[in-house]
Every structure is written in C-alpha cells, then in structure tokens.
Amino acid sequence: MLKTPQRYNYLQLSLFLLMLMTAFSGVASAKNSSPAIPENAHANTYGGGWECDRKYRKAGNICAAIKIPANAYSTNKSYGRGWECARGFEELKEASCTAVTVPGNAFLNSFGDGWECERGYREDNASCHSIKVPMNGYLAESFQSPGWECNRGYLAVNDSCVIVKVPANGYLIDSSSRLGWECNRGFRADNGACIAVRIPVNGFFEASSYGPGWKCGRGYQATENECVPVKMPKNAHLDYSGSEWECDRPYEKQRDTCVQL
C-alpha cells in the first residue's frame, strides 16, 4: 500500500493526465466539426471559415472559376463581375474587351478606356480635327467656345476676330458682350456712342445698363426729365422706396387721402 505522500502525488498526476486527455479530445473534436475547405479555397486569415482563391468566386459550398475574357484581369473582389478590361481596352460587347481605336492627333485618356484629342484639335465624328484659329485670336481650353477666343480689343464675329471700336468717353471691357465696351461714369450708351447723362435737380447719377442713367432723391418722383416732390396727404408718410407714400396707422388709403375707418 502506498504511503500518504506518495498516494497524494499519484492522485495529482492522474488528475493532470485526465485534464490533458480531455483538452486533446476537445481540439480533435473542434477540428472534426470545422467545415471542410473546398478546392480552390483557403482558410481565412482572421477568424474561422474560408474564402475562394483569386479568379474564383463562392457559389454555395464550392469555388467556381470566374470567366475572364481576353485582355482583362481579375479584380479579386467579392462584388461586381470580378474582372475589368486592361488599359487600352474597353467593354463594347458583353463579357468582352475590345482594343480602343485611337485616331490621329489623339491619346489614351487617364482611365485607359477611351481617348482625347491633343491640344489644337477638337473631336468631331470619332476624329480629331485641327482648330482653325483666326487672326487676332488664340487657342482656348473651353468646351463652350469653338476652341479659340479673341485677343483683348477684339470680338468674335462668325469665324473671325474684329477690332472693337470704342467711342469717345468709353473704355474696353474683358467681356464677350455684343459691344465689348462700356461708357465712362456720367455717360450712357446710345446708338454706338457715349452721351453725357443730364441729371435733373434733386436727382443723382445711377450706373445702369438701362433707364435714363439717373434717379430722383428721396421725397421726389421722376417725370420725363425732372424730379418733382412727392405730394402726400395728411396722416401719410414716405414708403420704403422714398418715391411713394402710405398712410399712418390706423389710417387707410382711399384714393389720394388717408381716412380712419
């Protein structure tokens, strides 16, 4: 019969061996219970499960090959069709990549699926045609213009640049307006000329492309060529414009008077 210390050590060893066997049994059971990795797949780097290899896509419990057409490459993404056309090719027909036909005086765009015309040329009917810049004009990077603009002091008329004739008391403006010039302050445009604005008494100059070029001061109304005082009835005051009147509260307007109802 074992002595008490020996019996205690034996019981400890037995308990340790029993725990070790249980642990190995659990690991084996876990391995046996994990799903099998199908062909053309690999275990996930993080966590459990598996994912398909490059150029394959999950279809149920298997990994099916992605059909990649010629001149294309795999995107290795779980969404989309799984492939894209290579640079210099574009998808014109379903599931096929066709070479981009680059016309003369053009180059592949930054995406590689189309082309752009070189500077000095403009696209027209799948070709790049030379931009004809008229005399006194220059190339312009604009899709709204014919590809060129006129130098300062000239206006575009049809396919040419004509000089802007600035009248006396006028000046050039950087604008594509019909005239290409404006009048100095104190003058207004009239039939291709700049005429002096005649400001009546109690009026002031107003820079505007329409109207007589002047406006009446507060408390006056404009007639054809002068500013006349605003005639206000009793119990009235000038409105926000300064050229009309309205009744004080609690009076109300009736024709040309203010009455209390």
Protein backbone atom coordinates (compact mmCIF):
# COMPACT_ATOMS: atom_id res chain seq x y z
CA MET A 1 0.00 0.00 0.00
CA LEU A 2 1.27 3.49 -0.97
CA LYS A 3 2.14 5.85 1.75
CA THR A 4 0.08 9.01 2.15
CA PRO A 5 2.53 11.47 0.37
CA GLN A 6 3.05 9.01 -2.49
CA ARG A 7 -0.70 8.46 -2.79
CA TYR A 8 -1.25 12.25 -2.97
CA ASN A 9 1.37 12.66 -5.76
CA TYR A 10 -0.18 9.78 -7.68
CA LEU A 11 -3.62 11.36 -7.48
CA GLN A 12 -2.23 14.70 -8.74
CA LEU A 13 -0.52 13.02 -11.71
CA SER A 14 -3.69 11.10 -12.58
CA LEU A 15 -5.77 14.29 -12.47
CA PHE A 16 -3.28 16.13 -14.73
CA LEU A 17 -3.26 13.30 -17.28
CA LEU A 18 -7.06 13.24 -17.27
CA MET A 19 -7.22 17.02 -17.94
CA LEU A 20 -4.63 16.74 -20.74
CA MET A 21 -6.59 13.95 -22.45
CA THR A 22 -9.80 16.00 -22.20
CA ALA A 23 -8.12 19.02 -23.82
CA PHE A 24 -6.75 16.98 -26.73
CA SER A 25 -10.14 15.41 -27.18
CA GLY A 26 -11.76 18.88 -27.40
CA VAL A 27 -9.23 20.09 -30.00
CA ALA A 28 -9.76 16.97 -32.11
CA SER A 29 -13.50 17.36 -31.81
CA ALA A 30 -13.28 21.02 -32.88
CA LYS A 31 -11.14 20.08 -35.88
CA ASN A 32 -13.55 17.38 -36.90
CA SER A 33 -16.53 19.77 -36.53
CA SER A 34 -14.97 22.64 -38.64
CA PRO A 35 -16.26 22.84 -42.23
CA ALA A 36 -14.06 21.36 -44.90
CA ILE A 37 -12.26 23.81 -47.19
CA PRO A 38 -13.28 23.20 -50.81
CA GLU A 39 -10.97 23.10 -53.77
CA ASN A 40 -9.56 26.48 -54.95
CA ALA A 41 -10.12 27.99 -51.50
CA HIS A 42 -8.11 28.80 -48.38
CA ALA A 43 -8.77 29.45 -44.71
CA ASN A 44 -9.49 33.00 -43.65
CA THR A 45 -6.51 34.83 -42.18
CA TYR A 46 -8.59 36.12 -39.30
CA GLY A 47 -11.45 34.17 -37.73
CA GLY A 48 -12.87 30.92 -38.95
CA GLY A 49 -14.25 29.86 -42.29
CA TRP A 50 -12.71 30.06 -45.73
CA GLU A 51 -12.63 32.19 -48.85
CA CYS A 52 -12.05 31.48 -52.51
CA ASP A 53 -8.68 31.89 -54.20
CA ARG A 54 -8.06 34.66 -56.74
CA LYS A 55 -10.00 34.18 -60.01
CA TYR A 56 -12.65 32.12 -58.18
CA ARG A 57 -15.96 33.10 -56.60
CA LYS A 58 -18.10 31.41 -53.95
CA ALA A 59 -21.09 29.52 -55.33
CA GLY A 60 -22.79 27.66 -52.48
CA ASN A 61 -20.18 25.43 -50.86
CA ILE A 62 -17.72 25.45 -53.77
CA CYS A 63 -15.46 27.95 -55.53
CA ALA A 64 -16.37 28.37 -59.20
CA ALA A 65 -13.91 29.83 -61.70
CA ILE A 66 -14.61 33.38 -62.91
CA LYS A 67 -14.72 33.57 -66.69
CA ILE A 68 -12.25 36.33 -67.52
CA PRO A 69 -12.24 37.39 -71.19
CA ALA A 70 -9.11 38.11 -73.19
CA ASN A 71 -7.38 41.43 -72.47
CA ALA A 72 -8.92 41.59 -68.97
CA TYR A 73 -7.73 40.98 -65.41
CA SER A 74 -9.24 39.71 -62.18
CA THR A 75 -10.25 42.33 -59.59
CA ASN A 76 -10.25 39.76 -56.77
CA LYS A 77 -13.40 41.34 -55.30
CA SER A 78 -16.50 39.61 -53.98
CA TYR A 79 -18.79 42.13 -55.68
CA GLY A 80 -19.24 43.12 -59.32
CA ARG A 81 -18.41 40.87 -62.24
CA GLY A 82 -14.95 40.06 -60.89
CA TRP A 83 -12.90 41.46 -63.78
CA GLU A 84 -12.05 44.66 -65.64
CA CYS A 85 -10.68 45.39 -69.08
CA ALA A 86 -6.94 46.11 -69.23
CA ARG A 87 -5.67 49.59 -70.10
CA GLY A 88 -6.15 50.29 -73.77
CA PHE A 89 -9.27 48.14 -73.98
CA GLU A 90 -12.97 48.87 -73.44
CA GLU A 91 -16.08 46.75 -72.99
CA LEU A 92 -18.12 47.23 -76.15
CA LYS A 93 -19.89 43.90 -76.10
CA GLU A 94 -20.97 41.92 -73.05
CA ALA A 95 -18.14 39.96 -71.44
CA SER A 96 -15.52 41.04 -73.99
CA CYS A 97 -12.73 43.63 -74.13
CA THR A 98 -12.05 45.39 -77.42
CA ALA A 99 -8.97 47.48 -78.17
CA VAL A 100 -9.57 51.24 -78.02
CA THR A 101 -9.12 52.73 -81.50
CA VAL A 102 -7.18 55.97 -81.04
CA PRO A 103 -7.47 58.30 -84.05
CA GLY A 104 -4.71 60.53 -85.30
CA ASN A 105 -3.75 63.52 -83.13
CA ALA A 106 -5.25 61.84 -80.05
CA PHE A 107 -4.07 59.90 -76.97
CA LEU A 108 -5.47 57.42 -74.44
CA ASN A 109 -7.27 59.09 -71.55
CA SER A 110 -6.15 58.69 -67.94
CA PHE A 111 -8.52 55.74 -67.38
CA GLY A 112 -7.24 53.93 -70.45
CA ASP A 113 -10.74 53.14 -71.73
CA GLY A 114 -11.09 56.00 -74.23
CA TRP A 115 -9.21 58.81 -75.94
CA GLU A 116 -8.87 62.59 -76.04
CA CYS A 117 -7.71 64.98 -78.74
CA GLU A 118 -4.35 66.69 -78.45
CA ARG A 119 -4.15 70.43 -77.87
CA GLY A 120 -5.07 72.31 -81.01
CA TYR A 121 -7.55 69.65 -82.10
CA ARG A 122 -11.25 69.04 -81.43
CA GLU A 123 -13.31 65.84 -81.52
CA ASP A 124 -15.75 65.51 -84.39
CA ASN A 125 -17.25 62.23 -85.68
CA ALA A 126 -14.73 60.00 -83.86
CA SER A 127 -11.82 62.01 -85.28
CA CYS A 128 -9.64 64.90 -84.16
CA HIS A 129 -9.82 67.91 -86.45
CA SER A 130 -7.45 70.85 -86.34
CA ILE A 131 -8.83 74.02 -84.73
CA LYS A 132 -8.53 76.97 -87.10
CA VAL A 133 -7.63 79.99 -85.02
CA PRO A 134 -8.38 83.30 -86.77
CA MET A 135 -6.05 86.27 -86.85
CA ASN A 136 -6.02 88.16 -83.53
CA GLY A 137 -7.23 85.03 -81.73
CA TYR A 138 -5.70 82.29 -79.57
CA LEU A 139 -6.37 78.67 -78.55
CA ALA A 140 -8.70 78.37 -75.56
CA GLU A 141 -9.35 75.38 -73.31
CA SER A 142 -13.12 75.69 -73.39
CA PHE A 143 -15.85 73.27 -74.46
CA GLN A 144 -18.35 76.12 -74.93
CA SER A 145 -16.28 78.04 -77.47
CA PRO A 146 -15.11 76.86 -80.92
CA GLY A 147 -11.72 76.17 -79.34
CA TRP A 148 -10.45 79.73 -79.65
CA GLU A 149 -11.08 83.21 -78.29
CA CYS A 150 -10.19 86.69 -79.46
CA ASN A 151 -7.39 88.83 -78.07
CA ARG A 152 -8.27 91.80 -75.90
CA GLY A 153 -9.69 94.58 -78.04
CA TYR A 154 -11.34 92.17 -80.48
CA LEU A 155 -14.74 90.46 -80.65
CA ALA A 156 -15.67 87.10 -82.18
CA VAL A 157 -17.88 87.57 -85.23
CA ASN A 158 -18.64 84.30 -87.03
CA ASP A 159 -15.18 82.76 -87.65
CA SER A 160 -13.07 85.89 -87.26
CA CYS A 161 -11.93 88.44 -84.68
CA VAL A 162 -12.90 92.03 -85.45
CA ILE A 163 -11.50 95.06 -83.69
CA VAL A 164 -13.68 96.75 -81.07
CA LYS A 165 -14.36 100.37 -81.93
CA VAL A 166 -14.53 102.21 -78.61
CA PRO A 167 -16.38 105.54 -78.82
CA ALA A 168 -15.31 108.73 -77.10
CA ASN A 169 -15.90 108.64 -73.34
CA GLY A 170 -15.88 104.82 -73.39
CA TYR A 171 -13.44 102.04 -72.45
CA LEU A 172 -12.68 98.40 -73.32
CA ILE A 173 -14.05 95.61 -71.14
CA ASP A 174 -12.97 91.98 -70.83
CA SER A 175 -16.28 90.50 -71.83
CA SER A 176 -17.91 88.58 -74.65
CA SER A 177 -20.76 91.14 -74.73
CA ARG A 178 -22.11 92.40 -78.02
CA LEU A 179 -20.28 95.73 -77.75
CA GLY A 180 -17.02 94.95 -75.97
CA TRP A 181 -17.00 98.39 -74.35
CA GLU A 182 -18.81 100.47 -71.74
CA CYS A 183 -19.23 104.18 -71.14
CA ASN A 184 -17.33 106.15 -68.54
CA ARG A 185 -19.17 107.22 -65.41
CA GLY A 186 -21.52 110.07 -66.18
CA PHE A 187 -22.21 108.78 -69.71
CA ARG A 188 -24.57 106.19 -71.18
CA ALA A 189 -24.57 104.16 -74.39
CA ASP A 190 -26.82 105.40 -77.19
CA ASN A 191 -26.55 104.10 -80.79
CA GLY A 192 -22.87 103.21 -80.56
CA ALA A 193 -21.87 106.41 -78.76
CA CYS A 194 -21.43 107.55 -75.16
CA ILE A 195 -23.58 110.57 -74.40
CA ALA A 196 -23.49 112.64 -71.23
CA VAL A 197 -26.18 111.89 -68.66
CA ARG A 198 -28.17 115.06 -67.85
CA ILE A 199 -29.11 114.82 -64.19
CA PRO A 200 -32.07 116.99 -63.12
CA VAL A 201 -32.23 118.96 -59.90
CA ASN A 202 -32.83 116.70 -56.83
CA GLY A 203 -31.52 113.70 -58.79
CA PHE A 204 -28.28 111.70 -58.78
CA PHE A 205 -26.29 109.55 -61.23
CA GLU A 206 -27.18 105.83 -61.36
CA ALA A 207 -24.86 103.40 -63.13
CA SER A 208 -27.24 101.11 -65.00
CA SER A 209 -27.38 99.48 -68.44
CA TYR A 210 -30.99 100.63 -68.82
CA GLY A 211 -33.02 103.73 -67.95
CA PRO A 212 -32.02 107.41 -68.24
CA GLY A 213 -28.89 107.00 -66.09
CA TRP A 214 -30.21 108.97 -63.13
CA LYS A 215 -32.59 108.58 -60.19
CA CYS A 216 -34.50 111.01 -58.01
CA GLY A 217 -33.58 111.58 -54.39
CA ARG A 218 -35.83 110.53 -51.51
CA GLY A 219 -39.06 112.52 -51.43
CA TYR A 220 -39.13 113.10 -55.19
CA GLN A 221 -40.70 111.31 -58.17
CA ALA A 222 -39.24 111.07 -61.65
CA THR A 223 -41.13 112.52 -64.58
CA GLU A 224 -39.76 112.57 -68.13
CA ASN A 225 -36.82 114.92 -67.47
CA GLU A 226 -37.13 116.15 -63.89
CA CYS A 227 -37.67 115.22 -60.25
CA VAL A 228 -40.86 116.60 -58.65
CA PRO A 229 -41.74 116.49 -54.93
CA VAL A 230 -43.98 113.63 -53.72
CA LYS A 231 -47.39 115.06 -52.81
CA MET A 232 -48.55 113.42 -49.58
CA PRO A 233 -51.97 113.82 -47.94
CA LYS A 234 -52.42 114.37 -44.21
CA ASN A 235 -51.62 111.38 -41.94
CA ALA A 236 -49.25 109.83 -44.51
CA HIS A 237 -45.51 109.18 -44.81
CA LEU A 238 -42.97 108.13 -47.47
CA ASP A 239 -42.73 104.39 -48.11
CA TYR A 240 -39.52 102.31 -48.31
CA SER A 241 -38.78 103.45 -51.88
CA GLY A 242 -38.88 107.14 -50.95
CA SER A 243 -40.81 107.98 -54.12
CA GLU A 244 -44.32 106.91 -52.98
CA TRP A 245 -46.39 107.33 -49.81
CA GLU A 246 -48.54 105.21 -47.49
CA CYS A 247 -50.94 106.00 -44.66
CA ASP A 248 -50.03 106.14 -40.98
CA ARG A 249 -51.71 103.61 -38.72
CA PRO A 250 -54.64 103.31 -38.10
CA TYR A 251 -55.46 105.23 -41.30
CA GLU A 252 -56.10 103.54 -44.62
CA LYS A 253 -55.63 104.76 -48.17
CA GLN A 254 -58.69 105.82 -50.15
CA ARG A 255 -57.71 107.32 -53.48
CA ASP A 256 -55.46 110.28 -52.62
CA THR A 257 -56.32 110.58 -48.94
CA CYS A 258 -55.84 108.71 -45.66
CA VAL A 259 -59.01 108.06 -43.66
CA GLN A 260 -59.73 106.28 -40.40
CA LEU A 261 -62.39 103.60 -40.81
